[in-house]
Amino acid sequence: MAKMKLKSHSGAKKRFFKTASGKFAYRKCSRSHILEYKSPKRLRTLKQTGYVNEALADQMKKLLPYA
Protein backbone atom coordinates (compact mmCIF):
# COMPACT_ATOMS: atom_id res chain seq x y z
CA MET A 1 0.00 0.00 0.00
CA ALA A 2 1.23 3.49 -0.89
CA LYS A 3 2.34 5.87 1.83
CA MET A 4 0.01 8.79 2.52
CA LYS A 5 1.13 12.27 1.64
CA LEU A 6 1.39 14.87 4.41
CA LYS A 7 -0.64 18.05 4.22
CA SER A 8 1.03 21.43 4.60
CA HIS A 9 -0.48 23.87 7.09
CA SER A 10 -2.44 26.44 5.07
CA GLY A 11 -1.63 29.38 7.34
CA ALA A 12 2.07 28.57 7.49
CA LYS A 13 2.19 28.08 3.74
CA LYS A 14 1.04 31.67 3.21
CA ARG A 15 3.38 33.24 5.78
CA PHE A 16 6.69 31.35 5.78
CA PHE A 17 9.18 30.29 3.14
CA LYS A 18 12.42 28.37 3.17
CA THR A 19 15.67 30.08 2.22
CA ALA A 20 18.51 28.55 0.21
CA SER A 21 20.44 27.88 3.42
CA GLY A 22 17.51 25.93 4.86
CA LYS A 23 16.24 28.52 7.34
CA PHE A 24 12.59 29.52 7.56
CA ALA A 25 11.89 33.20 6.91
CA TYR A 26 8.88 35.53 6.87
CA ARG A 27 8.01 39.07 5.95
CA LYS A 28 7.34 41.39 8.86
CA CYS A 29 3.92 42.89 9.50
CA SER A 30 2.80 46.54 9.89
CA ARG A 31 4.10 47.68 6.49
CA SER A 32 0.81 48.00 4.64
CA HIS A 33 -1.00 51.07 6.01
CA ILE A 34 -0.84 53.93 8.54
CA LEU A 35 2.77 54.66 7.61
CA GLU A 36 2.73 58.41 8.33
CA TYR A 37 3.56 58.27 12.03
CA LYS A 38 6.06 55.41 11.80
CA SER A 39 9.65 56.59 11.81
CA PRO A 40 11.94 55.92 8.83
CA LYS A 41 14.17 53.76 11.04
CA ARG A 42 11.19 51.62 12.05
CA LEU A 43 10.10 51.24 8.42
CA ARG A 44 13.62 50.21 7.39
CA THR A 45 13.68 47.46 10.00
CA LEU A 46 10.20 46.29 9.00
CA LYS A 47 11.40 46.01 5.41
CA GLN A 48 13.96 43.38 6.39
CA THR A 49 13.20 39.68 6.38
CA GLY A 50 12.53 38.00 9.71
CA TYR A 51 13.91 34.55 10.50
CA VAL A 52 12.34 31.80 12.59
CA ASN A 53 14.18 30.93 15.79
CA GLU A 54 16.20 27.68 15.76
CA ALA A 55 14.08 26.41 18.70
CA LEU A 56 10.97 26.55 16.48
CA ALA A 57 12.59 25.09 13.35
CA ASP A 58 11.39 21.55 14.15
CA GLN A 59 7.80 22.76 14.45
CA MET A 60 8.11 24.56 11.12
CA LYS A 61 9.34 21.35 9.46
CA LYS A 62 6.15 19.62 10.61
CA LEU A 63 3.95 22.46 9.37
CA LEU A 64 5.69 22.64 5.98
CA PRO A 65 6.93 19.11 5.22
CA TYR A 66 7.66 19.73 1.52
CA ALA A 67 9.17 23.22 1.75
PDB file of N, CA and C in Angstrom:
ATOM      1  N   MET A   1       0.834  -1.185   0.000  1.00  0.00           N
ATOM      2  CA  MET A   1       0.000   0.000   0.000  1.00  0.00           C
ATOM      3  C   MET A   1       0.881   1.250   0.000  1.00  0.00           C
ATOM      4  N   ALA A   2       0.450   2.264  -0.756  1.00  0.00           N
ATOM      5  CA  ALA A   2       1.233   3.490  -0.886  1.00  0.00           C
ATOM      6  C   ALA A   2       1.185   4.301   0.403  1.00  0.00           C
ATOM      7  N   LYS A   3       2.259   5.019   0.642  1.00  0.00           N
ATOM      8  CA  LYS A   3       2.337   5.872   1.830  1.00  0.00           C
ATOM      9  C   LYS A   3       1.522   7.142   1.603  1.00  0.00           C
ATOM     10  N   MET A   4       0.841   7.590   2.639  1.00  0.00           N
ATOM     11  CA  MET A   4       0.008   8.790   2.525  1.00  0.00           C
ATOM     12  C   MET A   4       0.881  10.041   2.464  1.00  0.00           C
ATOM     13  N   LYS A   5       0.427  11.003   1.692  1.00  0.00           N
ATOM     14  CA  LYS A   5       1.125  12.273   1.637  1.00  0.00           C
ATOM     15  C   LYS A   5       0.741  13.114   2.849  1.00  0.00           C
ATOM     16  N   LEU A   6       1.658  13.967   3.298  1.00  0.00           N
ATOM     17  CA  LEU A   6       1.389  14.873   4.407  1.00  0.00           C
ATOM     18  C   LEU A   6       0.813  16.173   3.863  1.00  0.00           C
ATOM     19  N   LYS A   7      -0.085  16.766   4.635  1.00  0.00           N
ATOM     20  CA  LYS A   7      -0.642  18.051   4.221  1.00  0.00           C
ATOM     21  C   LYS A   7       0.149  19.184   4.859  1.00  0.00           C
ATOM     22  N   SER A   8       0.385  20.226   4.076  1.00  0.00           N
ATOM     23  CA  SER A   8       1.031  21.429   4.599  1.00  0.00           C
ATOM     24  C   SER A   8      -0.014  22.270   5.321  1.00  0.00           C
ATOM     25  N   HIS A   9       0.405  22.978   6.342  1.00  0.00           N
ATOM     26  CA  HIS A   9      -0.482  23.866   7.088  1.00  0.00           C
ATOM     27  C   HIS A   9      -0.781  25.095   6.234  1.00  0.00           C
ATOM     28  N   SER A  10      -2.062  25.368   5.993  1.00  0.00           N
ATOM     29  CA  SER A  10      -2.440  26.440   5.068  1.00  0.00           C
ATOM     30  C   SER A  10      -1.964  27.806   5.526  1.00  0.00           C
ATOM     31  N   GLY A  11      -2.068  28.081   6.829  1.00  0.00           N
ATOM     32  CA  GLY A  11      -1.635  29.381   7.340  1.00  0.00           C
ATOM     33  C   GLY A  11      -0.142  29.555   7.248  1.00  0.00           C
ATOM     34  N   ALA A  12       0.611  28.498   7.553  1.00  0.00           N
ATOM     35  CA  ALA A  12       2.070  28.575   7.492  1.00  0.00           C
ATOM     36  C   ALA A  12       2.547  28.695   6.055  1.00  0.00           C
ATOM     37  N   LYS A  13       1.846  28.059   5.156  1.00  0.00           N
ATOM     38  CA  LYS A  13       2.188  28.081   3.743  1.00  0.00           C
ATOM     39  C   LYS A  13       2.148  29.501   3.175  1.00  0.00           C
ATOM     40  N   LYS A  14       1.196  30.307   3.693  1.00  0.00           N
ATOM     41  CA  LYS A  14       1.036  31.669   3.212  1.00  0.00           C
ATOM     42  C   LYS A  14       2.034  32.634   3.852  1.00  0.00           C
ATOM     43  N   ARG A  15       2.587  32.282   5.013  1.00  0.00           N
ATOM     44  CA  ARG A  15       3.377  33.238   5.785  1.00  0.00           C
ATOM     45  C   ARG A  15       4.876  32.961   5.824  1.00  0.00           C
ATOM     46  N   PHE A  16       5.280  31.716   5.636  1.00  0.00           N
ATOM     47  CA  PHE A  16       6.686  31.354   5.775  1.00  0.00           C
ATOM     48  C   PHE A  16       7.227  30.756   4.489  1.00  0.00           C
ATOM     49  N   PHE A  17       8.522  30.915   4.282  1.00  0.00           N
ATOM     50  CA  PHE A  17       9.180  30.294   3.140  1.00  0.00           C
ATOM     51  C   PHE A  17      10.568  29.850   3.565  1.00  0.00           C
ATOM     52  N   LYS A  18      11.120  28.919   2.832  1.00  0.00           N
ATOM     53  CA  LYS A  18      12.420  28.368   3.166  1.00  0.00           C
ATOM     54  C   LYS A  18      13.486  29.046   2.315  1.00  0.00           C
ATOM     55  N   THR A  19      14.587  29.437   2.933  1.00  0.00           N
ATOM     56  CA  THR A  19      15.673  30.084   2.222  1.00  0.00           C
ATOM     57  C   THR A  19      16.605  29.027   1.625  1.00  0.00           C
ATOM     58  N   ALA A  20      17.563  29.467   0.841  1.00  0.00           N
ATOM     59  CA  ALA A  20      18.507  28.548   0.206  1.00  0.00           C
ATOM     60  C   ALA A  20      19.382  27.842   1.229  1.00  0.00           C
ATOM     61  N   SER A  21      19.618  28.493   2.369  1.00  0.00           N
ATOM     62  CA  SER A  21      20.444  27.884   3.416  1.00  0.00           C
ATOM     63  C   SER A  21      19.652  26.931   4.306  1.00  0.00           C
ATOM     64  N   GLY A  22      18.326  26.848   4.098  1.00  0.00           N
ATOM     65  CA  GLY A  22      17.506  25.926   4.865  1.00  0.00           C
ATOM     66  C   GLY A  22      16.792  26.538   6.045  1.00  0.00           C
ATOM     67  N   LYS A  23      16.940  27.843   6.247  1.00  0.00           N
ATOM     68  CA  LYS A  23      16.238  28.516   7.339  1.00  0.00           C
ATOM     69  C   LYS A  23      14.829  28.890   6.889  1.00  0.00           C
ATOM     70  N   PHE A  24      13.939  29.064   7.857  1.00  0.00           N
ATOM     71  CA  PHE A  24      12.588  29.525   7.559  1.00  0.00           C
ATOM     72  C   PHE A  24      12.534  31.030   7.789  1.00  0.00           C
ATOM     73  N   ALA A  25      11.948  31.746   6.842  1.00  0.00           N
ATOM     74  CA  ALA A  25      11.894  33.199   6.915  1.00  0.00           C
ATOM     75  C   ALA A  25      10.459  33.661   6.701  1.00  0.00           C
ATOM     76  N   TYR A  26      10.207  34.934   7.044  1.00  0.00           N
ATOM     77  CA  TYR A  26       8.882  35.526   6.874  1.00  0.00           C
ATOM     78  C   TYR A  26       9.045  37.020   6.653  1.00  0.00           C
ATOM     79  N   ARG A  27       8.015  37.626   6.120  1.00  0.00           N
ATOM     80  CA  ARG A  27       8.009  39.069   5.950  1.00  0.00           C
ATOM     81  C   ARG A  27       7.310  39.688   7.154  1.00  0.00           C
ATOM     82  N   LYS A  28       7.861  40.783   7.640  1.00  0.00           N
ATOM     83  CA  LYS A  28       7.344  41.392   8.862  1.00  0.00           C
ATOM     84  C   LYS A  28       6.040  42.143   8.591  1.00  0.00           C
ATOM     85  N   CYS A  29       5.223  42.250   9.631  1.00  0.00           N
ATOM     86  CA  CYS A  29       3.916  42.894   9.499  1.00  0.00           C
ATOM     87  C   CYS A  29       4.028  44.403   9.748  1.00  0.00           C
ATOM     88  N   SER A  30       2.924  45.097   9.636  1.00  0.00           N
ATOM     89  CA  SER A  30       2.800  46.544   9.887  1.00  0.00           C
ATOM     90  C   SER A  30       3.460  47.397   8.821  1.00  0.00           C
ATOM     91  N   ARG A  31       3.514  46.911   7.571  1.00  0.00           N
ATOM     92  CA  ARG A  31       4.102  47.681   6.488  1.00  0.00           C
ATOM     93  C   ARG A  31       3.070  48.078   5.450  1.00  0.00           C
ATOM     94  N   SER A  32       1.793  47.805   5.699  1.00  0.00           N
ATOM     95  CA  SER A  32       0.810  47.998   4.638  1.00  0.00           C
ATOM     96  C   SER A  32       0.055  49.328   4.717  1.00  0.00           C
ATOM     97  N   HIS A  33      -0.224  49.826   5.902  1.00  0.00           N
ATOM     98  CA  HIS A  33      -1.000  51.072   6.007  1.00  0.00           C
ATOM     99  C   HIS A  33      -0.635  51.799   7.292  1.00  0.00           C
ATOM    100  N   ILE A  34      -1.137  53.030   7.420  1.00  0.00           N
ATOM    101  CA  ILE A  34      -0.840  53.934   8.540  1.00  0.00           C
ATOM    102  C   ILE A  34       0.677  54.088   8.692  1.00  0.00           C
ATOM    103  N   LEU A  35       1.312  54.537   7.623  1.00  0.00           N
ATOM    104  CA  LEU A  35       2.769  54.659   7.609  1.00  0.00           C
ATOM    105  C   LEU A  35       3.243  56.060   7.978  1.00  0.00           C
ATOM    106  N   GLU A  36       2.323  57.022   8.111  1.00  0.00           N
ATOM    107  CA  GLU A  36       2.734  58.409   8.330  1.00  0.00           C
ATOM    108  C   GLU A  36       3.456  58.613   9.655  1.00  0.00           C
ATOM    109  N   TYR A  37       2.967  58.008  10.723  1.00  0.00           N
ATOM    110  CA  TYR A  37       3.564  58.271  12.031  1.00  0.00           C
ATOM    111  C   TYR A  37       4.702  57.317  12.367  1.00  0.00           C
ATOM    112  N   LYS A  38       4.950  56.333  11.545  1.00  0.00           N
ATOM    113  CA  LYS A  38       6.055  55.408  11.803  1.00  0.00           C
ATOM    114  C   LYS A  38       7.348  56.045  11.316  1.00  0.00           C
ATOM    115  N   SER A  39       8.384  55.937  12.137  1.00  0.00           N
ATOM    116  CA  SER A  39       9.649  56.588  11.814  1.00  0.00           C
ATOM    117  C   SER A  39      10.346  55.859  10.666  1.00  0.00           C
ATOM    118  N   PRO A  40      11.201  56.560   9.923  1.00  0.00           N
ATOM    119  CA  PRO A  40      11.939  55.920   8.831  1.00  0.00           C
ATOM    120  C   PRO A  40      12.798  54.747   9.298  1.00  0.00           C
ATOM    121  N   LYS A  41      13.363  54.861  10.504  1.00  0.00           N
ATOM    122  CA  LYS A  41      14.169  53.761  11.041  1.00  0.00           C
ATOM    123  C   LYS A  41      13.299  52.524  11.262  1.00  0.00           C
ATOM    124  N   ARG A  42      12.112  52.735  11.804  1.00  0.00           N
ATOM    125  CA  ARG A  42      11.193  51.620  12.053  1.00  0.00           C
ATOM    126  C   ARG A  42      10.765  50.969  10.735  1.00  0.00           C
ATOM    127  N   LEU A  43      10.504  51.784   9.714  1.00  0.00           N
ATOM    128  CA  LEU A  43      10.101  51.245   8.424  1.00  0.00           C
ATOM    129  C   LEU A  43      11.240  50.477   7.762  1.00  0.00           C
ATOM    130  N   ARG A  44      12.466  50.936   7.948  1.00  0.00           N
ATOM    131  CA  ARG A  44      13.620  50.212   7.392  1.00  0.00           C
ATOM    132  C   ARG A  44      13.747  48.835   8.017  1.00  0.00           C
ATOM    133  N   THR A  45      13.558  48.757   9.345  1.00  0.00           N
ATOM    134  CA  THR A  45      13.684  47.457  10.002  1.00  0.00           C
ATOM    135  C   THR A  45      12.514  46.537   9.643  1.00  0.00           C
ATOM    136  N   LEU A  46      11.340  47.112   9.410  1.00  0.00           N
ATOM    137  CA  LEU A  46      10.195  46.293   9.002  1.00  0.00           C
ATOM    138  C   LEU A  46      10.357  45.761   7.583  1.00  0.00           C
ATOM    139  N   LYS A  47      11.165  46.438   6.781  1.00  0.00           N
ATOM    140  CA  LYS A  47      11.401  46.009   5.406  1.00  0.00           C
ATOM    141  C   LYS A  47      12.252  44.743   5.342  1.00  0.00           C
ATOM    142  N   GLN A  48      13.059  44.522   6.379  1.00  0.00           N
ATOM    143  CA  GLN A  48      13.963  43.375   6.391  1.00  0.00           C
ATOM    144  C   GLN A  48      13.199  42.075   6.628  1.00  0.00           C
ATOM    145  N   THR A  49      13.798  40.996   6.202  1.00  0.00           N
ATOM    146  CA  THR A  49      13.201  39.678   6.385  1.00  0.00           C
ATOM    147  C   THR A  49      13.426  39.192   7.805  1.00  0.00           C
ATOM    148  N   GLY A  50      12.395  38.603   8.398  1.00  0.00           N
ATOM    149  CA  GLY A  50      12.529  38.004   9.715  1.00  0.00           C
ATOM    150  C   GLY A  50      12.818  36.520   9.584  1.00  0.00           C
ATOM    151  N   TYR A  51      13.550  35.963  10.539  1.00  0.00           N
ATOM    152  CA  TYR A  51      13.908  34.548  10.503  1.00  0.00           C
ATOM    153  C   TYR A  51      13.337  33.837  11.720  1.00  0.00           C
ATOM    154  N   VAL A  52      12.904  32.606  11.509  1.00  0.00           N
ATOM    155  CA  VAL A  52      12.336  31.799  12.585  1.00  0.00           C
ATOM    156  C   VAL A  52      13.459  31.324  13.489  1.00  0.00           C
ATOM    157  N   ASN A  53      13.209  31.353  14.789  1.00  0.00           N
ATOM    158  CA  ASN A  53      14.182  30.928  15.787  1.00  0.00           C
ATOM    159  C   ASN A  53      14.516  29.450  15.602  1.00  0.00           C
ATOM    160  N   GLU A  54      15.760  29.076  15.910  1.00  0.00           N
ATOM    161  CA  GLU A  54      16.197  27.684  15.764  1.00  0.00           C
ATOM    162  C   GLU A  54      15.373  26.741  16.651  1.00  0.00           C
ATOM    163  N   ALA A  55      14.885  27.237  17.794  1.00  0.00           N
ATOM    164  CA  ALA A  55      14.082  26.413  18.696  1.00  0.00           C
ATOM    165  C   ALA A  55      12.752  26.015  18.051  1.00  0.00           C
ATOM    166  N   LEU A  56      12.249  26.824  17.130  1.00  0.00           N
ATOM    167  CA  LEU A  56      10.969  26.546  16.485  1.00  0.00           C
ATOM    168  C   LEU A  56      11.128  25.900  15.114  1.00  0.00           C
ATOM    169  N   ALA A  57      12.342  25.633  14.688  1.00  0.00           N
ATOM    170  CA  ALA A  57      12.586  25.086  13.352  1.00  0.00           C
ATOM    171  C   ALA A  57      11.960  23.706  13.188  1.00  0.00           C
ATOM    172  N   ASP A  58      11.980  22.883  14.237  1.00  0.00           N
ATOM    173  CA  ASP A  58      11.387  21.550  14.151  1.00  0.00           C
ATOM    174  C   ASP A  58       9.873  21.628  13.954  1.00  0.00           C
ATOM    175  N   GLN A  59       9.230  22.580  14.623  1.00  0.00           N
ATOM    176  CA  GLN A  59       7.796  22.765  14.447  1.00  0.00           C
ATOM    177  C   GLN A  59       7.473  23.211  13.025  1.00  0.00           C
ATOM    178  N   MET A  60       8.324  24.071  12.480  1.00  0.00           N
ATOM    179  CA  MET A  60       8.113  24.556  11.120  1.00  0.00           C
ATOM    180  C   MET A  60       8.263  23.419  10.115  1.00  0.00           C
ATOM    181  N   LYS A  61       9.161  22.499  10.364  1.00  0.00           N
ATOM    182  CA  LYS A  61       9.337  21.355   9.462  1.00  0.00           C
ATOM    183  C   LYS A  61       8.095  20.470   9.446  1.00  0.00           C
ATOM    184  N   LYS A  62       7.389  20.389  10.566  1.00  0.00           N
ATOM    185  CA  LYS A  62       6.151  19.621  10.615  1.00  0.00           C
ATOM    186  C   LYS A  62       5.021  20.358   9.891  1.00  0.00           C
ATOM    187  N   LEU A  63       5.004  21.684  10.027  1.00  0.00           N
ATOM    188  CA  LEU A  63       3.951  22.465   9.373  1.00  0.00           C
ATOM    189  C   LEU A  63       4.141  22.509   7.854  1.00  0.00           C
ATOM    190  N   LEU A  64       5.394  22.558   7.415  1.00  0.00           N
ATOM    191  CA  LEU A  64       5.695  22.636   5.979  1.00  0.00           C
ATOM    192  C   LEU A  64       6.616  21.472   5.590  1.00  0.00           C
ATOM    193  N   PRO A  65       6.074  20.268   5.456  1.00  0.00           N
ATOM    194  CA  PRO A  65       6.932  19.107   5.222  1.00  0.00           C
ATOM    195  C   PRO A  65       7.626  19.097   3.862  1.00  0.00           C
ATOM    196  N   TYR A  66       7.069  19.774   2.859  1.00  0.00           N
ATOM    197  CA  TYR A  66       7.663  19.731   1.517  1.00  0.00           C
ATOM    198  C   TYR A  66       8.320  21.040   1.121  1.00  0.00           C
ATOM    199  N   ALA A  67       8.533  21.927   2.059  1.00  0.00           N
ATOM    200  CA  ALA A  67       9.167  23.218   1.750  1.00  0.00           C
ATOM    201  C   ALA A  67      10.672  23.047   1.608  1.00  0.00           C
TER     202      ALA A  67
END
